[in-house]
Amino acid sequence: MTFRLGLTGSIGIGKSTTADIFSEMGCEVWDADRAVHRLYKKDGKAIDPLSNAFPTAIINNTVSREKLKEILAQNPSEFERLEAIVHPLVAQDRADFIKNAKADILVFDIPLLFETRADKQMDAVACVFIDKETQKKRTLARGTMTEAQFSQILAKQMPIDEKCALSDFVITTDSIEHAREQVIKILEAIRTRIDHA
């Protein structure tokens, strides 16, 4: 039996670090953001359909995320068009991952897990959590976005408290050691469940 664990959270909370811990513990991890990167890179599967819908966003046979951001900032209604093209390609990438995976526990790192209803395809969900002040400090410390952009991203996502309430497990990322301890406990609980299935 293969167990599917959805991993979600919000920006700057430590989700990628937590996903790496699951990977170190022998789980295979599918990362939604990395899947989009694969689709957007040179000769990626999103190039052709996006070149028809957003021709100015394609530079040197690669999707320019900067150009795409500009287009969407000027015309937010284009988001739906973009998602209609990209979501099925991401779903196919995930299906290919499942087909080729060998591990007993597969972890799906999906920031918008609940928002896209992908939680319905999981056996359980783990939400990564940290307090709002730490989240903001971590995100802005990266130097990749302004406070306004950070607020904009949060506005598009379900509040983290709601995500935690809907999840089977909550992982507090106040330190890597603490996160690792919680991941070990979660994997023990899942493997016990698999053994008794």
N, C-alpha and C. Protein backbone atom coordinates (compact mmCIF):
# COMPACT_ATOMS: atom_id res chain seq x y z
N MET A 1 0.84 -1.20 0.00
CA MET A 1 0.00 0.00 0.00
C MET A 1 0.87 1.25 0.00
N THR A 2 0.53 2.18 -0.86
CA THR A 2 1.24 3.46 -0.89
C THR A 2 0.37 4.49 -0.20
N PHE A 3 0.96 5.22 0.74
CA PHE A 3 0.23 6.23 1.51
C PHE A 3 0.53 7.60 0.94
N ARG A 4 -0.51 8.41 0.70
CA ARG A 4 -0.32 9.75 0.14
C ARG A 4 -0.54 10.80 1.22
N LEU A 5 0.52 11.52 1.53
CA LEU A 5 0.45 12.57 2.55
C LEU A 5 0.58 13.94 1.88
N GLY A 6 -0.44 14.75 2.03
CA GLY A 6 -0.38 16.12 1.52
C GLY A 6 0.36 16.99 2.52
N LEU A 7 1.26 17.83 2.03
CA LEU A 7 2.00 18.75 2.90
C LEU A 7 1.68 20.16 2.45
N THR A 8 1.15 20.96 3.36
CA THR A 8 0.78 22.32 2.99
C THR A 8 1.21 23.30 4.05
N GLY A 9 0.92 24.57 3.82
CA GLY A 9 1.34 25.62 4.74
C GLY A 9 1.15 26.95 4.05
N SER A 10 2.06 27.86 4.29
CA SER A 10 2.00 29.16 3.66
C SER A 10 3.42 29.62 3.39
N ILE A 11 3.56 30.78 2.80
CA ILE A 11 4.88 31.31 2.44
C ILE A 11 5.71 31.60 3.71
N GLY A 12 6.99 31.25 3.67
CA GLY A 12 7.91 31.59 4.76
C GLY A 12 7.72 30.80 6.04
N ILE A 13 6.97 29.70 5.97
CA ILE A 13 6.66 28.94 7.19
C ILE A 13 7.64 27.77 7.40
N GLY A 14 8.35 27.37 6.33
CA GLY A 14 9.32 26.28 6.47
C GLY A 14 8.87 24.99 5.82
N LYS A 15 7.97 25.12 4.83
CA LYS A 15 7.42 23.94 4.17
C LYS A 15 8.48 23.18 3.37
N SER A 16 9.30 23.92 2.63
CA SER A 16 10.34 23.26 1.80
C SER A 16 11.35 22.52 2.68
N THR A 17 11.73 23.15 3.79
CA THR A 17 12.66 22.51 4.73
C THR A 17 12.03 21.24 5.30
N THR A 18 10.75 21.32 5.63
CA THR A 18 10.03 20.15 6.17
C THR A 18 9.93 19.05 5.11
N ALA A 19 9.68 19.44 3.87
CA ALA A 19 9.61 18.46 2.77
C ALA A 19 10.96 17.75 2.63
N ASP A 20 12.06 18.50 2.79
CA ASP A 20 13.41 17.90 2.72
C ASP A 20 13.61 16.87 3.82
N ILE A 21 13.05 17.14 5.01
CA ILE A 21 13.18 16.19 6.13
C ILE A 21 12.44 14.89 5.77
N PHE A 22 11.24 15.01 5.20
CA PHE A 22 10.49 13.82 4.78
C PHE A 22 11.32 13.02 3.75
N SER A 23 11.95 13.74 2.86
CA SER A 23 12.79 13.11 1.83
C SER A 23 13.97 12.36 2.47
N GLU A 24 14.63 13.00 3.44
CA GLU A 24 15.75 12.37 4.17
C GLU A 24 15.30 11.09 4.87
N MET A 25 14.02 11.06 5.28
CA MET A 25 13.48 9.91 6.02
C MET A 25 12.97 8.81 5.09
N GLY A 26 13.26 8.93 3.80
CA GLY A 26 12.92 7.86 2.86
C GLY A 26 11.62 8.01 2.10
N CYS A 27 10.93 9.14 2.28
CA CYS A 27 9.71 9.38 1.51
C CYS A 27 10.09 9.96 0.15
N GLU A 28 9.24 9.75 -0.84
CA GLU A 28 9.44 10.43 -2.12
C GLU A 28 8.54 11.66 -2.12
N VAL A 29 9.10 12.80 -2.51
CA VAL A 29 8.39 14.07 -2.42
C VAL A 29 8.12 14.63 -3.81
N TRP A 30 6.86 15.00 -4.04
CA TRP A 30 6.48 15.72 -5.27
C TRP A 30 6.20 17.14 -4.86
N ASP A 31 6.85 18.09 -5.52
CA ASP A 31 6.76 19.50 -5.18
C ASP A 31 6.01 20.24 -6.29
N ALA A 32 4.86 20.82 -5.97
CA ALA A 32 4.03 21.51 -6.97
C ALA A 32 4.78 22.67 -7.62
N ASP A 33 5.52 23.45 -6.82
CA ASP A 33 6.27 24.59 -7.38
C ASP A 33 7.35 24.13 -8.35
N ARG A 34 8.04 23.04 -7.98
CA ARG A 34 9.09 22.52 -8.87
C ARG A 34 8.48 21.97 -10.16
N ALA A 35 7.29 21.41 -10.04
CA ALA A 35 6.60 20.89 -11.24
C ALA A 35 6.33 22.04 -12.21
N VAL A 36 5.89 23.18 -11.68
CA VAL A 36 5.64 24.36 -12.53
C VAL A 36 6.94 24.82 -13.17
N HIS A 37 8.03 24.81 -12.39
CA HIS A 37 9.35 25.18 -12.96
C HIS A 37 9.71 24.28 -14.13
N ARG A 38 9.45 22.97 -13.97
CA ARG A 38 9.75 22.02 -15.06
C ARG A 38 8.93 22.35 -16.30
N LEU A 39 7.66 22.70 -16.10
CA LEU A 39 6.77 23.00 -17.22
C LEU A 39 7.18 24.30 -17.93
N TYR A 40 7.74 25.25 -17.15
CA TYR A 40 8.10 26.56 -17.68
C TYR A 40 9.48 26.62 -18.32
N LYS A 41 10.34 25.62 -18.01
CA LYS A 41 11.71 25.72 -18.51
C LYS A 41 11.78 25.44 -20.01
N LYS A 42 12.95 25.62 -20.59
CA LYS A 42 13.15 25.46 -22.03
C LYS A 42 12.56 24.13 -22.51
N ASP A 43 11.71 24.19 -23.51
CA ASP A 43 11.04 23.03 -24.08
C ASP A 43 10.10 22.31 -23.09
N GLY A 44 9.73 22.98 -22.00
CA GLY A 44 8.78 22.41 -21.05
C GLY A 44 7.40 22.28 -21.68
N LYS A 45 6.55 21.45 -21.07
CA LYS A 45 5.25 21.16 -21.68
C LYS A 45 4.29 22.35 -21.69
N ALA A 46 4.60 23.40 -20.92
CA ALA A 46 3.70 24.56 -20.90
C ALA A 46 4.05 25.59 -21.97
N ILE A 47 5.21 25.44 -22.60
CA ILE A 47 5.68 26.45 -23.56
C ILE A 47 4.69 26.65 -24.72
N ASP A 48 4.31 25.57 -25.40
CA ASP A 48 3.42 25.71 -26.56
C ASP A 48 2.06 26.32 -26.20
N PRO A 49 1.34 25.73 -25.23
CA PRO A 49 0.02 26.32 -24.92
C PRO A 49 0.11 27.76 -24.41
N LEU A 50 1.17 28.08 -23.63
CA LEU A 50 1.29 29.44 -23.11
C LEU A 50 1.73 30.43 -24.18
N SER A 51 2.47 29.94 -25.19
CA SER A 51 2.91 30.85 -26.25
C SER A 51 1.71 31.32 -27.09
N ASN A 52 0.65 30.53 -27.12
CA ASN A 52 -0.58 30.95 -27.81
C ASN A 52 -1.37 31.95 -26.96
N ALA A 53 -1.44 31.69 -25.65
CA ALA A 53 -2.24 32.54 -24.76
C ALA A 53 -1.50 33.80 -24.33
N PHE A 54 -0.20 33.66 -24.03
CA PHE A 54 0.60 34.79 -23.54
C PHE A 54 1.93 34.88 -24.31
N PRO A 55 1.88 35.21 -25.59
CA PRO A 55 3.10 35.18 -26.42
C PRO A 55 4.26 36.02 -25.88
N THR A 56 3.94 37.16 -25.24
CA THR A 56 5.02 38.04 -24.75
C THR A 56 5.73 37.47 -23.52
N ALA A 57 5.13 36.43 -22.90
CA ALA A 57 5.75 35.83 -21.71
C ALA A 57 6.79 34.77 -22.07
N ILE A 58 6.88 34.42 -23.35
CA ILE A 58 7.85 33.39 -23.77
C ILE A 58 9.10 34.08 -24.32
N ILE A 59 10.23 33.82 -23.66
CA ILE A 59 11.52 34.39 -24.09
C ILE A 59 12.52 33.24 -24.21
N ASN A 60 13.13 33.11 -25.39
CA ASN A 60 14.10 32.02 -25.66
C ASN A 60 13.51 30.64 -25.33
N ASN A 61 12.26 30.43 -25.73
CA ASN A 61 11.59 29.13 -25.54
C ASN A 61 11.45 28.74 -24.06
N THR A 62 11.41 29.77 -23.20
CA THR A 62 11.23 29.57 -21.76
C THR A 62 10.15 30.55 -21.30
N VAL A 63 9.37 30.16 -20.28
CA VAL A 63 8.37 31.09 -19.75
C VAL A 63 9.09 32.06 -18.81
N SER A 64 8.97 33.34 -19.09
CA SER A 64 9.54 34.36 -18.20
C SER A 64 8.52 34.63 -17.10
N ARG A 65 8.85 34.22 -15.88
CA ARG A 65 7.93 34.43 -14.76
C ARG A 65 7.72 35.93 -14.51
N GLU A 66 8.78 36.70 -14.74
CA GLU A 66 8.67 38.16 -14.56
C GLU A 66 7.64 38.76 -15.52
N LYS A 67 7.74 38.35 -16.79
CA LYS A 67 6.80 38.85 -17.81
C LYS A 67 5.37 38.43 -17.46
N LEU A 68 5.24 37.17 -17.04
CA LEU A 68 3.94 36.63 -16.67
C LEU A 68 3.34 37.43 -15.51
N LYS A 69 4.19 37.75 -14.52
CA LYS A 69 3.75 38.55 -13.38
C LYS A 69 3.24 39.91 -13.84
N GLU A 70 3.98 40.52 -14.77
CA GLU A 70 3.58 41.84 -15.30
C GLU A 70 2.20 41.76 -15.98
N ILE A 71 2.04 40.72 -16.81
CA ILE A 71 0.77 40.54 -17.53
C ILE A 71 -0.39 40.39 -16.54
N LEU A 72 -0.17 39.56 -15.51
CA LEU A 72 -1.23 39.29 -14.53
C LEU A 72 -1.49 40.50 -13.64
N ALA A 73 -0.44 41.30 -13.38
CA ALA A 73 -0.62 42.51 -12.57
C ALA A 73 -1.49 43.52 -13.33
N GLN A 74 -1.28 43.60 -14.64
CA GLN A 74 -2.05 44.53 -15.47
C GLN A 74 -3.48 44.03 -15.71
N ASN A 75 -3.61 42.69 -15.75
CA ASN A 75 -4.92 42.13 -16.05
C ASN A 75 -5.18 40.87 -15.21
N PRO A 76 -5.58 41.07 -13.94
CA PRO A 76 -5.76 39.93 -13.03
C PRO A 76 -6.74 38.86 -13.52
N SER A 77 -7.66 39.25 -14.41
CA SER A 77 -8.65 38.27 -14.92
C SER A 77 -7.96 37.17 -15.74
N GLU A 78 -6.72 37.41 -16.17
CA GLU A 78 -5.98 36.41 -16.96
C GLU A 78 -5.53 35.22 -16.10
N PHE A 79 -5.62 35.36 -14.77
CA PHE A 79 -5.23 34.27 -13.87
C PHE A 79 -5.97 32.98 -14.20
N GLU A 80 -7.29 33.12 -14.45
CA GLU A 80 -8.11 31.93 -14.74
C GLU A 80 -7.65 31.25 -16.02
N ARG A 81 -7.31 32.05 -17.01
CA ARG A 81 -6.83 31.51 -18.28
C ARG A 81 -5.52 30.75 -18.07
N LEU A 82 -4.63 31.35 -17.29
CA LEU A 82 -3.33 30.73 -16.98
C LEU A 82 -3.54 29.40 -16.25
N GLU A 83 -4.39 29.43 -15.22
CA GLU A 83 -4.65 28.22 -14.43
C GLU A 83 -5.29 27.12 -15.27
N ALA A 84 -6.16 27.49 -16.19
CA ALA A 84 -6.82 26.51 -17.06
C ALA A 84 -5.80 25.77 -17.93
N ILE A 85 -4.69 26.43 -18.24
CA ILE A 85 -3.63 25.80 -19.04
C ILE A 85 -2.68 25.00 -18.14
N VAL A 86 -2.27 25.63 -17.03
CA VAL A 86 -1.20 25.04 -16.20
C VAL A 86 -1.69 23.90 -15.29
N HIS A 87 -2.89 24.04 -14.70
CA HIS A 87 -3.36 23.03 -13.75
C HIS A 87 -3.42 21.60 -14.33
N PRO A 88 -3.97 21.41 -15.54
CA PRO A 88 -3.99 20.04 -16.08
C PRO A 88 -2.57 19.48 -16.32
N LEU A 89 -1.63 20.35 -16.68
CA LEU A 89 -0.24 19.90 -16.90
C LEU A 89 0.41 19.51 -15.58
N VAL A 90 0.12 20.26 -14.54
CA VAL A 90 0.64 19.94 -13.20
C VAL A 90 0.04 18.62 -12.72
N ALA A 91 -1.25 18.43 -12.96
CA ALA A 91 -1.94 17.18 -12.57
C ALA A 91 -1.31 15.98 -13.28
N GLN A 92 -0.94 16.15 -14.55
CA GLN A 92 -0.29 15.08 -15.31
C GLN A 92 1.09 14.78 -14.74
N ASP A 93 1.83 15.82 -14.37
CA ASP A 93 3.16 15.67 -13.77
C ASP A 93 3.05 14.86 -12.47
N ARG A 94 2.01 15.18 -11.67
CA ARG A 94 1.78 14.47 -10.41
C ARG A 94 1.42 13.00 -10.66
N ALA A 95 0.59 12.77 -11.67
CA ALA A 95 0.19 11.39 -12.02
C ALA A 95 1.42 10.57 -12.45
N ASP A 96 2.31 11.18 -13.21
CA ASP A 96 3.55 10.50 -13.65
C ASP A 96 4.43 10.15 -12.46
N PHE A 97 4.49 11.09 -11.49
CA PHE A 97 5.28 10.86 -10.28
C PHE A 97 4.72 9.65 -9.51
N ILE A 98 3.39 9.61 -9.34
CA ILE A 98 2.76 8.50 -8.60
C ILE A 98 3.04 7.16 -9.29
N LYS A 99 2.94 7.16 -10.62
CA LYS A 99 3.14 5.95 -11.40
C LYS A 99 4.56 5.39 -11.23
N ASN A 100 5.54 6.29 -11.12
CA ASN A 100 6.95 5.86 -11.06
C ASN A 100 7.51 5.75 -9.65
N ALA A 101 6.73 6.18 -8.63
CA ALA A 101 7.24 6.20 -7.25
C ALA A 101 7.40 4.79 -6.69
N LYS A 102 8.42 4.63 -5.83
CA LYS A 102 8.70 3.31 -5.23
C LYS A 102 8.49 3.30 -3.71
N ALA A 103 8.50 4.48 -3.07
CA ALA A 103 8.42 4.55 -1.60
C ALA A 103 7.03 4.17 -1.08
N ASP A 104 6.98 3.78 0.21
CA ASP A 104 5.69 3.42 0.81
C ASP A 104 4.87 4.67 1.17
N ILE A 105 5.60 5.79 1.41
CA ILE A 105 4.91 7.05 1.73
C ILE A 105 5.32 8.11 0.71
N LEU A 106 4.33 8.66 0.03
CA LEU A 106 4.57 9.73 -0.94
C LEU A 106 4.08 11.04 -0.32
N VAL A 107 4.93 12.07 -0.39
CA VAL A 107 4.58 13.37 0.19
C VAL A 107 4.35 14.35 -0.96
N PHE A 108 3.21 15.04 -0.92
CA PHE A 108 2.84 16.00 -1.96
C PHE A 108 2.91 17.41 -1.37
N ASP A 109 3.96 18.12 -1.72
CA ASP A 109 4.19 19.48 -1.23
C ASP A 109 3.39 20.44 -2.11
N ILE A 110 2.21 20.84 -1.62
CA ILE A 110 1.29 21.66 -2.41
C ILE A 110 0.83 22.86 -1.57
N PRO A 111 1.36 24.07 -1.86
CA PRO A 111 0.98 25.23 -1.06
C PRO A 111 -0.53 25.46 -1.02
N LEU A 112 -1.21 25.31 -2.17
CA LEU A 112 -2.66 25.56 -2.24
C LEU A 112 -3.44 24.25 -2.21
N LEU A 113 -3.05 23.35 -1.35
CA LEU A 113 -3.67 22.01 -1.26
C LEU A 113 -5.18 22.10 -1.03
N PHE A 114 -5.58 22.85 -0.01
CA PHE A 114 -7.02 22.96 0.29
C PHE A 114 -7.73 23.84 -0.74
N GLU A 115 -7.04 24.92 -1.16
CA GLU A 115 -7.66 25.85 -2.10
C GLU A 115 -7.99 25.19 -3.44
N THR A 116 -7.14 24.21 -3.85
CA THR A 116 -7.37 23.52 -5.13
C THR A 116 -8.10 22.18 -4.93
N ARG A 117 -8.50 21.91 -3.69
CA ARG A 117 -9.22 20.68 -3.31
C ARG A 117 -8.39 19.40 -3.56
N ALA A 118 -7.07 19.56 -3.63
CA ALA A 118 -6.20 18.39 -3.83
C ALA A 118 -6.15 17.52 -2.57
N ASP A 119 -6.62 18.08 -1.43
CA ASP A 119 -6.65 17.29 -0.18
C ASP A 119 -7.55 16.06 -0.33
N LYS A 120 -8.52 16.14 -1.25
CA LYS A 120 -9.45 15.01 -1.46
C LYS A 120 -8.73 13.78 -2.02
N GLN A 121 -7.54 13.99 -2.62
CA GLN A 121 -6.80 12.86 -3.20
C GLN A 121 -5.75 12.31 -2.24
N MET A 122 -5.71 12.83 -1.00
CA MET A 122 -4.70 12.42 -0.03
C MET A 122 -5.29 11.48 1.02
N ASP A 123 -4.40 10.66 1.61
CA ASP A 123 -4.83 9.80 2.72
C ASP A 123 -4.79 10.57 4.05
N ALA A 124 -3.95 11.59 4.11
CA ALA A 124 -3.86 12.46 5.28
C ALA A 124 -3.16 13.75 4.85
N VAL A 125 -3.29 14.78 5.70
CA VAL A 125 -2.66 16.08 5.39
C VAL A 125 -1.86 16.55 6.61
N ALA A 126 -0.66 17.05 6.36
CA ALA A 126 0.16 17.68 7.40
C ALA A 126 0.32 19.15 7.03
N CYS A 127 0.08 20.02 7.99
CA CYS A 127 0.23 21.46 7.76
C CYS A 127 1.41 21.98 8.56
N VAL A 128 2.26 22.75 7.89
CA VAL A 128 3.42 23.34 8.54
C VAL A 128 2.99 24.69 9.11
N PHE A 129 3.42 24.97 10.36
CA PHE A 129 2.92 26.15 11.06
C PHE A 129 4.03 26.91 11.78
N ILE A 130 3.92 28.23 11.77
CA ILE A 130 4.74 29.11 12.62
C ILE A 130 3.90 30.36 12.87
N ASP A 131 4.19 31.08 13.95
CA ASP A 131 3.40 32.28 14.25
C ASP A 131 3.59 33.34 13.16
N LYS A 132 2.59 34.23 13.05
CA LYS A 132 2.55 35.23 11.96
C LYS A 132 3.77 36.15 11.93
N GLU A 133 4.26 36.55 13.11
CA GLU A 133 5.41 37.48 13.16
C GLU A 133 6.65 36.82 12.57
N THR A 134 6.90 35.56 12.98
CA THR A 134 8.07 34.83 12.47
C THR A 134 7.94 34.61 10.97
N GLN A 135 6.73 34.27 10.53
CA GLN A 135 6.49 34.04 9.09
C GLN A 135 6.85 35.29 8.28
N LYS A 136 6.36 36.43 8.74
CA LYS A 136 6.62 37.70 8.03
C LYS A 136 8.11 38.01 8.02
N LYS A 137 8.75 37.84 9.18
CA LYS A 137 10.18 38.15 9.31
C LYS A 137 11.01 37.27 8.37
N ARG A 138 10.70 35.96 8.36
CA ARG A 138 11.42 35.02 7.49
C ARG A 138 11.25 35.36 6.01
N THR A 139 10.00 35.65 5.64
CA THR A 139 9.71 35.92 4.22
C THR A 139 10.42 37.18 3.74
N LEU A 140 10.32 38.26 4.52
CA LEU A 140 10.91 39.53 4.10
C LEU A 140 12.44 39.49 4.17
N ALA A 141 12.98 38.62 5.04
CA ALA A 141 14.44 38.49 5.15
C ALA A 141 15.07 37.92 3.88
N ARG A 142 14.26 37.20 3.09
CA ARG A 142 14.78 36.65 1.82
C ARG A 142 15.14 37.75 0.83
N GLY A 143 14.48 38.90 0.98
CA GLY A 143 14.76 40.02 0.09
C GLY A 143 14.22 39.86 -1.32
N THR A 144 13.26 38.94 -1.49
CA THR A 144 12.73 38.69 -2.85
C THR A 144 11.38 39.35 -3.07
N MET A 145 10.79 39.91 -1.99
CA MET A 145 9.49 40.56 -2.18
C MET A 145 9.27 41.67 -1.17
N THR A 146 8.35 42.55 -1.52
CA THR A 146 8.00 43.67 -0.63
C THR A 146 6.92 43.20 0.35
N GLU A 147 6.68 44.05 1.34
CA GLU A 147 5.63 43.74 2.31
C GLU A 147 4.26 43.67 1.62
N ALA A 148 4.07 44.55 0.62
CA ALA A 148 2.80 44.58 -0.13
C ALA A 148 2.60 43.27 -0.90
N GLN A 149 3.68 42.76 -1.52
CA GLN A 149 3.58 41.49 -2.27
C GLN A 149 3.29 40.33 -1.33
N PHE A 150 3.92 40.38 -0.15
CA PHE A 150 3.70 39.35 0.87
C PHE A 150 2.22 39.33 1.29
N SER A 151 1.66 40.52 1.53
CA SER A 151 0.25 40.62 1.92
C SER A 151 -0.68 40.13 0.81
N GLN A 152 -0.29 40.42 -0.43
CA GLN A 152 -1.07 40.00 -1.60
C GLN A 152 -1.14 38.47 -1.68
N ILE A 153 0.00 37.81 -1.44
CA ILE A 153 0.06 36.33 -1.49
C ILE A 153 -0.83 35.76 -0.38
N LEU A 154 -0.70 36.31 0.83
CA LEU A 154 -1.51 35.82 1.95
C LEU A 154 -3.00 35.98 1.68
N ALA A 155 -3.37 37.08 1.01
CA ALA A 155 -4.79 37.34 0.73
C ALA A 155 -5.40 36.29 -0.19
N LYS A 156 -4.55 35.65 -1.03
CA LYS A 156 -5.03 34.64 -1.98
C LYS A 156 -5.15 33.26 -1.32
N GLN A 157 -4.54 33.11 -0.13
CA GLN A 157 -4.51 31.80 0.51
C GLN A 157 -5.50 31.71 1.67
N MET A 158 -5.90 30.48 1.95
CA MET A 158 -6.73 30.23 3.13
C MET A 158 -5.88 30.55 4.36
N PRO A 159 -6.44 31.19 5.39
CA PRO A 159 -5.65 31.49 6.60
C PRO A 159 -5.04 30.22 7.20
N ILE A 160 -3.81 30.35 7.70
CA ILE A 160 -3.06 29.18 8.19
C ILE A 160 -3.78 28.46 9.33
N ASP A 161 -4.50 29.21 10.18
CA ASP A 161 -5.24 28.58 11.29
C ASP A 161 -6.31 27.62 10.75
N GLU A 162 -6.95 28.04 9.66
CA GLU A 162 -7.97 27.18 9.03
C GLU A 162 -7.33 25.93 8.44
N LYS A 163 -6.16 26.12 7.78
CA LYS A 163 -5.46 24.97 7.20
C LYS A 163 -5.09 23.96 8.29
N CYS A 164 -4.59 24.49 9.42
CA CYS A 164 -4.20 23.61 10.54
C CYS A 164 -5.41 22.83 11.06
N ALA A 165 -6.54 23.53 11.18
CA ALA A 165 -7.77 22.90 11.70
C ALA A 165 -8.26 21.77 10.78
N LEU A 166 -8.02 21.91 9.47
CA LEU A 166 -8.46 20.90 8.51
C LEU A 166 -7.47 19.73 8.36
N SER A 167 -6.28 19.89 8.93
CA SER A 167 -5.21 18.89 8.73
C SER A 167 -5.21 17.80 9.79
N ASP A 168 -4.64 16.65 9.43
CA ASP A 168 -4.52 15.53 10.38
C ASP A 168 -3.32 15.72 11.31
N PHE A 169 -2.29 16.40 10.79
CA PHE A 169 -1.07 16.65 11.56
C PHE A 169 -0.66 18.11 11.40
N VAL A 170 -0.08 18.68 12.45
CA VAL A 170 0.47 20.04 12.38
C VAL A 170 1.94 19.96 12.80
N ILE A 171 2.81 20.55 11.98
CA ILE A 171 4.25 20.54 12.26
C ILE A 171 4.69 21.98 12.54
N THR A 172 5.11 22.24 13.77
CA THR A 172 5.58 23.58 14.14
C THR A 172 7.06 23.69 13.80
N THR A 173 7.41 24.71 13.04
CA THR A 173 8.79 24.82 12.54
C THR A 173 9.59 25.90 13.28
N ASP A 174 9.53 25.86 14.63
CA ASP A 174 10.31 26.84 15.40
C ASP A 174 11.80 26.51 15.38
N SER A 175 12.14 25.23 15.09
CA SER A 175 13.54 24.85 14.86
C SER A 175 13.55 23.61 13.98
N ILE A 176 14.66 23.37 13.28
CA ILE A 176 14.75 22.20 12.39
C ILE A 176 14.68 20.92 13.22
N GLU A 177 15.32 20.93 14.39
CA GLU A 177 15.33 19.73 15.27
C GLU A 177 13.89 19.38 15.67
N HIS A 178 13.13 20.40 16.07
CA HIS A 178 11.75 20.16 16.50
C HIS A 178 10.92 19.66 15.32
N ALA A 179 11.11 20.27 14.15
CA ALA A 179 10.38 19.82 12.95
C ALA A 179 10.70 18.36 12.65
N ARG A 180 12.00 17.99 12.76
CA ARG A 180 12.42 16.61 12.47
C ARG A 180 11.76 15.62 13.44
N GLU A 181 11.72 15.98 14.73
CA GLU A 181 11.08 15.11 15.74
C GLU A 181 9.61 14.86 15.37
N GLN A 182 8.93 15.92 14.94
CA GLN A 182 7.50 15.80 14.60
C GLN A 182 7.31 14.95 13.34
N VAL A 183 8.22 15.11 12.37
CA VAL A 183 8.14 14.31 11.13
C VAL A 183 8.32 12.83 11.47
N ILE A 184 9.27 12.52 12.34
CA ILE A 184 9.52 11.12 12.74
C ILE A 184 8.25 10.52 13.35
N LYS A 185 7.61 11.30 14.25
CA LYS A 185 6.37 10.81 14.90
C LYS A 185 5.26 10.58 13.88
N ILE A 186 5.13 11.51 12.93
CA ILE A 186 4.09 11.38 11.90
C ILE A 186 4.33 10.12 11.07
N LEU A 187 5.59 9.90 10.68
CA LEU A 187 5.90 8.71 9.85
C LEU A 187 5.66 7.42 10.63
N GLU A 188 5.95 7.45 11.92
CA GLU A 188 5.66 6.26 12.76
C GLU A 188 4.16 6.00 12.78
N ALA A 189 3.37 7.05 12.96
CA ALA A 189 1.91 6.92 13.00
C ALA A 189 1.37 6.39 11.67
N ILE A 190 1.91 6.91 10.56
CA ILE A 190 1.45 6.48 9.23
C ILE A 190 1.84 5.03 8.98
N ARG A 191 3.07 4.67 9.33
CA ARG A 191 3.52 3.28 9.08
C ARG A 191 2.73 2.29 9.93
N THR A 192 2.34 2.70 11.12
CA THR A 192 1.49 1.85 11.97
C THR A 192 0.14 1.65 11.27
N ARG A 193 -0.38 2.74 10.70
CA ARG A 193 -1.65 2.70 9.97
C ARG A 193 -1.54 1.78 8.76
N ILE A 194 -0.42 1.87 8.04
CA ILE A 194 -0.21 1.04 6.83
C ILE A 194 -0.17 -0.44 7.25
N ASP A 195 0.58 -0.73 8.34
CA ASP A 195 0.73 -2.11 8.80
C ASP A 195 -0.60 -2.73 9.20
N HIS A 196 -1.51 -1.90 9.70
CA HIS A 196 -2.81 -2.42 10.15
C HIS A 196 -3.91 -2.31 9.11
N ALA A 197 -3.53 -1.83 7.93
CA ALA A 197 -4.54 -1.64 6.87
C ALA A 197 -4.98 -2.98 6.30
